[in-house]
Protein backbone atom coordinates (compact mmCIF):
# COMPACT_ATOMS: atom_id res chain seq x y z
CA UNK A 1 0.00 0.00 0.00
CA UNK A 2 2.85 2.39 0.85
CA UNK A 3 4.45 1.86 -2.59
CA UNK A 4 1.19 2.78 -4.31
CA UNK A 5 0.83 5.92 -2.21
CA UNK A 6 4.46 6.82 -2.85
CA UNK A 7 4.20 6.26 -6.61
CA UNK A 8 1.08 8.44 -6.71
CA UNK A 9 2.83 11.16 -4.72
CA UNK A 10 5.70 11.19 -7.25
CA UNK A 11 3.47 10.94 -10.32
CA UNK A 12 3.47 14.72 -10.79
CA UNK A 13 7.24 14.49 -11.46
CA UNK A 14 6.87 12.01 -14.35
CA UNK A 15 7.21 14.70 -17.06
CA UNK A 16 10.21 16.47 -15.50
CA UNK A 17 13.27 16.33 -17.77
CA UNK A 18 16.65 15.55 -16.23
CA UNK A 19 20.08 15.24 -17.82
CA UNK A 20 21.48 11.69 -17.84
CA UNK A 21 25.23 11.51 -18.46
CA UNK A 22 27.42 8.45 -18.92
CA UNK A 23 31.02 9.02 -17.90
CA UNK A 24 33.73 6.88 -19.50
CA UNK A 25 36.43 8.46 -17.34
CA UNK A 26 38.18 11.64 -16.40
CA UNK A 27 41.55 13.22 -17.04
CA UNK A 28 43.40 16.21 -15.68
CA UNK A 29 45.67 18.31 -17.86
CA UNK A 30 47.21 21.75 -17.88
CA UNK A 31 46.64 24.42 -20.51
CA UNK A 32 50.04 23.77 -22.12
CA UNK A 33 49.03 20.18 -22.94
CA UNK A 34 45.50 21.23 -23.89
CA UNK A 35 46.89 23.61 -26.52
CA UNK A 36 48.76 20.68 -28.12
CA UNK A 37 45.53 18.76 -28.79
CA UNK A 38 44.79 18.20 -32.46
CA UNK A 39 42.63 15.89 -34.52
CA UNK A 40 43.74 12.37 -33.65
CA UNK A 41 45.11 13.28 -30.20
CA UNK A 42 44.48 10.66 -27.52
CA UNK A 43 43.42 11.67 -24.04
CA UNK A 44 44.30 9.02 -21.48
CA UNK A 45 41.61 8.57 -18.84
CA UNK A 46 42.05 7.62 -15.19
CA UNK A 47 39.55 4.75 -15.52
CA UNK A 48 40.96 1.34 -16.49
CA UNK A 49 39.66 -0.65 -19.45
CA UNK A 50 36.81 -2.90 -18.36
CA UNK A 51 35.82 -0.79 -15.34
CA UNK A 52 32.11 0.06 -15.12
CA UNK A 53 30.91 3.35 -16.60
CA UNK A 54 29.32 5.90 -14.26
CA UNK A 55 25.70 6.88 -14.96
CA UNK A 56 24.87 10.30 -13.54
CA UNK A 57 21.56 12.10 -13.17
CA UNK A 58 22.03 15.87 -13.08
CA UNK A 59 25.67 15.20 -12.13
CA UNK A 60 24.87 12.81 -9.26
CA UNK A 61 26.05 9.18 -9.50
CA UNK A 62 22.99 6.90 -9.63
CA UNK A 63 24.24 3.73 -11.34
CA UNK A 64 27.13 1.93 -13.02
CA UNK A 65 27.10 -0.14 -16.18
CA UNK A 66 28.85 -1.45 -19.28
CA UNK A 67 28.96 -0.05 -22.80
CA UNK A 68 26.82 -1.74 -25.46
CA UNK A 69 25.93 -1.01 -29.08
CA UNK A 70 22.22 -0.71 -29.91
CA UNK A 71 21.28 -0.06 -33.56
CA UNK A 72 24.64 1.60 -34.32
CA UNK A 73 24.45 3.79 -31.21
CA UNK A 74 26.23 3.51 -27.90
CA UNK A 75 24.18 2.51 -24.90
CA UNK A 76 24.74 1.43 -21.30
CA UNK A 77 23.59 -1.82 -19.73
CA UNK A 78 23.03 -0.98 -16.06
CA UNK A 79 24.83 -3.47 -13.80
CA UNK A 80 24.57 -1.67 -10.46
CA UNK A 81 22.14 0.83 -8.94
CA UNK A 82 23.51 3.13 -6.26
CA UNK A 83 21.66 2.61 -2.99
CA UNK A 84 19.23 5.38 -2.03
CA UNK A 85 21.32 6.02 1.09
CA UNK A 86 24.47 6.61 -1.00
CA UNK A 87 22.53 8.68 -3.52
CA UNK A 88 21.18 10.94 -0.78
CA UNK A 89 24.53 11.23 1.03
CA UNK A 90 26.48 14.15 -0.49
CA UNK A 91 29.68 13.33 1.47
CA UNK A 92 30.35 9.70 0.76
CA UNK A 93 28.95 6.37 -0.23
CA UNK A 94 29.15 5.33 -3.87
CA UNK A 95 30.07 8.86 -4.96
CA UNK A 96 33.36 8.62 -3.07
CA UNK A 97 34.21 5.28 -4.78
CA UNK A 98 34.12 6.63 -8.35
C-alpha atoms as a PDB file:
ATOM      1  CA  UNK A   1       0.000   0.000   0.000  1.00  0.00           C
ATOM      2  CA  UNK A   2       2.852   2.389   0.850  1.00  0.00           C
ATOM      3  CA  UNK A   3       4.448   1.860  -2.588  1.00  0.00           C
ATOM      4  CA  UNK A   4       1.191   2.782  -4.308  1.00  0.00           C
ATOM      5  CA  UNK A   5       0.835   5.921  -2.211  1.00  0.00           C
ATOM      6  CA  UNK A   6       4.464   6.823  -2.850  1.00  0.00           C
ATOM      7  CA  UNK A   7       4.201   6.259  -6.608  1.00  0.00           C
ATOM      8  CA  UNK A   8       1.078   8.435  -6.706  1.00  0.00           C
ATOM      9  CA  UNK A   9       2.827  11.157  -4.720  1.00  0.00           C
ATOM     10  CA  UNK A  10       5.701  11.186  -7.248  1.00  0.00           C
ATOM     11  CA  UNK A  11       3.470  10.940 -10.320  1.00  0.00           C
ATOM     12  CA  UNK A  12       3.469  14.719 -10.790  1.00  0.00           C
ATOM     13  CA  UNK A  13       7.245  14.490 -11.464  1.00  0.00           C
ATOM     14  CA  UNK A  14       6.871  12.014 -14.347  1.00  0.00           C
ATOM     15  CA  UNK A  15       7.207  14.703 -17.057  1.00  0.00           C
ATOM     16  CA  UNK A  16      10.211  16.467 -15.500  1.00  0.00           C
ATOM     17  CA  UNK A  17      13.273  16.327 -17.771  1.00  0.00           C
ATOM     18  CA  UNK A  18      16.646  15.548 -16.233  1.00  0.00           C
ATOM     19  CA  UNK A  19      20.079  15.240 -17.819  1.00  0.00           C
ATOM     20  CA  UNK A  20      21.478  11.691 -17.843  1.00  0.00           C
ATOM     21  CA  UNK A  21      25.235  11.506 -18.457  1.00  0.00           C
ATOM     22  CA  UNK A  22      27.422   8.451 -18.915  1.00  0.00           C
ATOM     23  CA  UNK A  23      31.019   9.023 -17.903  1.00  0.00           C
ATOM     24  CA  UNK A  24      33.730   6.880 -19.502  1.00  0.00           C
ATOM     25  CA  UNK A  25      36.426   8.460 -17.342  1.00  0.00           C
ATOM     26  CA  UNK A  26      38.184  11.642 -16.401  1.00  0.00           C
ATOM     27  CA  UNK A  27      41.548  13.217 -17.038  1.00  0.00           C
ATOM     28  CA  UNK A  28      43.399  16.211 -15.679  1.00  0.00           C
ATOM     29  CA  UNK A  29      45.666  18.314 -17.865  1.00  0.00           C
ATOM     30  CA  UNK A  30      47.210  21.746 -17.884  1.00  0.00           C
ATOM     31  CA  UNK A  31      46.641  24.421 -20.510  1.00  0.00           C
ATOM     32  CA  UNK A  32      50.041  23.769 -22.123  1.00  0.00           C
ATOM     33  CA  UNK A  33      49.034  20.179 -22.936  1.00  0.00           C
ATOM     34  CA  UNK A  34      45.503  21.232 -23.893  1.00  0.00           C
ATOM     35  CA  UNK A  35      46.888  23.613 -26.523  1.00  0.00           C
ATOM     36  CA  UNK A  36      48.760  20.676 -28.118  1.00  0.00           C
ATOM     37  CA  UNK A  37      45.531  18.760 -28.794  1.00  0.00           C
ATOM     38  CA  UNK A  38      44.787  18.197 -32.460  1.00  0.00           C
ATOM     39  CA  UNK A  39      42.628  15.891 -34.516  1.00  0.00           C
ATOM     40  CA  UNK A  40      43.737  12.368 -33.647  1.00  0.00           C
ATOM     41  CA  UNK A  41      45.110  13.281 -30.204  1.00  0.00           C
ATOM     42  CA  UNK A  42      44.476  10.662 -27.525  1.00  0.00           C
ATOM     43  CA  UNK A  43      43.421  11.675 -24.036  1.00  0.00           C
ATOM     44  CA  UNK A  44      44.303   9.023 -21.476  1.00  0.00           C
ATOM     45  CA  UNK A  45      41.609   8.570 -18.843  1.00  0.00           C
ATOM     46  CA  UNK A  46      42.047   7.617 -15.193  1.00  0.00           C
ATOM     47  CA  UNK A  47      39.554   4.746 -15.517  1.00  0.00           C
ATOM     48  CA  UNK A  48      40.958   1.338 -16.491  1.00  0.00           C
ATOM     49  CA  UNK A  49      39.656  -0.650 -19.452  1.00  0.00           C
ATOM     50  CA  UNK A  50      36.808  -2.902 -18.363  1.00  0.00           C
ATOM     51  CA  UNK A  51      35.820  -0.795 -15.343  1.00  0.00           C
ATOM     52  CA  UNK A  52      32.110   0.063 -15.124  1.00  0.00           C
ATOM     53  CA  UNK A  53      30.914   3.352 -16.600  1.00  0.00           C
ATOM     54  CA  UNK A  54      29.323   5.897 -14.256  1.00  0.00           C
ATOM     55  CA  UNK A  55      25.701   6.882 -14.957  1.00  0.00           C
ATOM     56  CA  UNK A  56      24.868  10.302 -13.539  1.00  0.00           C
ATOM     57  CA  UNK A  57      21.557  12.103 -13.173  1.00  0.00           C
ATOM     58  CA  UNK A  58      22.033  15.873 -13.078  1.00  0.00           C
ATOM     59  CA  UNK A  59      25.672  15.205 -12.131  1.00  0.00           C
ATOM     60  CA  UNK A  60      24.868  12.808  -9.260  1.00  0.00           C
ATOM     61  CA  UNK A  61      26.054   9.184  -9.502  1.00  0.00           C
ATOM     62  CA  UNK A  62      22.989   6.903  -9.632  1.00  0.00           C
ATOM     63  CA  UNK A  63      24.240   3.728 -11.337  1.00  0.00           C
ATOM     64  CA  UNK A  64      27.130   1.929 -13.023  1.00  0.00           C
ATOM     65  CA  UNK A  65      27.096  -0.142 -16.181  1.00  0.00           C
ATOM     66  CA  UNK A  66      28.845  -1.448 -19.277  1.00  0.00           C
ATOM     67  CA  UNK A  67      28.962  -0.049 -22.802  1.00  0.00           C
ATOM     68  CA  UNK A  68      26.817  -1.740 -25.457  1.00  0.00           C
ATOM     69  CA  UNK A  69      25.930  -1.013 -29.083  1.00  0.00           C
ATOM     70  CA  UNK A  70      22.215  -0.711 -29.912  1.00  0.00           C
ATOM     71  CA  UNK A  71      21.279  -0.056 -33.556  1.00  0.00           C
ATOM     72  CA  UNK A  72      24.636   1.604 -34.322  1.00  0.00           C
ATOM     73  CA  UNK A  73      24.447   3.790 -31.211  1.00  0.00           C
ATOM     74  CA  UNK A  74      26.231   3.513 -27.902  1.00  0.00           C
ATOM     75  CA  UNK A  75      24.179   2.508 -24.901  1.00  0.00           C
ATOM     76  CA  UNK A  76      24.739   1.431 -21.304  1.00  0.00           C
ATOM     77  CA  UNK A  77      23.593  -1.816 -19.726  1.00  0.00           C
ATOM     78  CA  UNK A  78      23.027  -0.979 -16.061  1.00  0.00           C
ATOM     79  CA  UNK A  79      24.828  -3.468 -13.804  1.00  0.00           C
ATOM     80  CA  UNK A  80      24.573  -1.672 -10.457  1.00  0.00           C
ATOM     81  CA  UNK A  81      22.138   0.832  -8.943  1.00  0.00           C
ATOM     82  CA  UNK A  82      23.505   3.129  -6.264  1.00  0.00           C
ATOM     83  CA  UNK A  83      21.656   2.614  -2.989  1.00  0.00           C
ATOM     84  CA  UNK A  84      19.228   5.378  -2.031  1.00  0.00           C
ATOM     85  CA  UNK A  85      21.319   6.023   1.090  1.00  0.00           C
ATOM     86  CA  UNK A  86      24.471   6.611  -1.002  1.00  0.00           C
ATOM     87  CA  UNK A  87      22.530   8.679  -3.523  1.00  0.00           C
ATOM     88  CA  UNK A  88      21.180  10.939  -0.781  1.00  0.00           C
ATOM     89  CA  UNK A  89      24.528  11.232   1.031  1.00  0.00           C
ATOM     90  CA  UNK A  90      26.482  14.151  -0.489  1.00  0.00           C
ATOM     91  CA  UNK A  91      29.681  13.332   1.470  1.00  0.00           C
ATOM     92  CA  UNK A  92      30.355   9.697   0.759  1.00  0.00           C
ATOM     93  CA  UNK A  93      28.946   6.374  -0.228  1.00  0.00           C
ATOM     94  CA  UNK A  94      29.147   5.333  -3.871  1.00  0.00           C
ATOM     95  CA  UNK A  95      30.071   8.865  -4.962  1.00  0.00           C
ATOM     96  CA  UNK A  96      33.358   8.618  -3.070  1.00  0.00           C
ATOM     97  CA  UNK A  97      34.208   5.276  -4.777  1.00  0.00           C
ATOM     98  CA  UNK A  98      34.122   6.630  -8.345  1.00  0.00           C
END
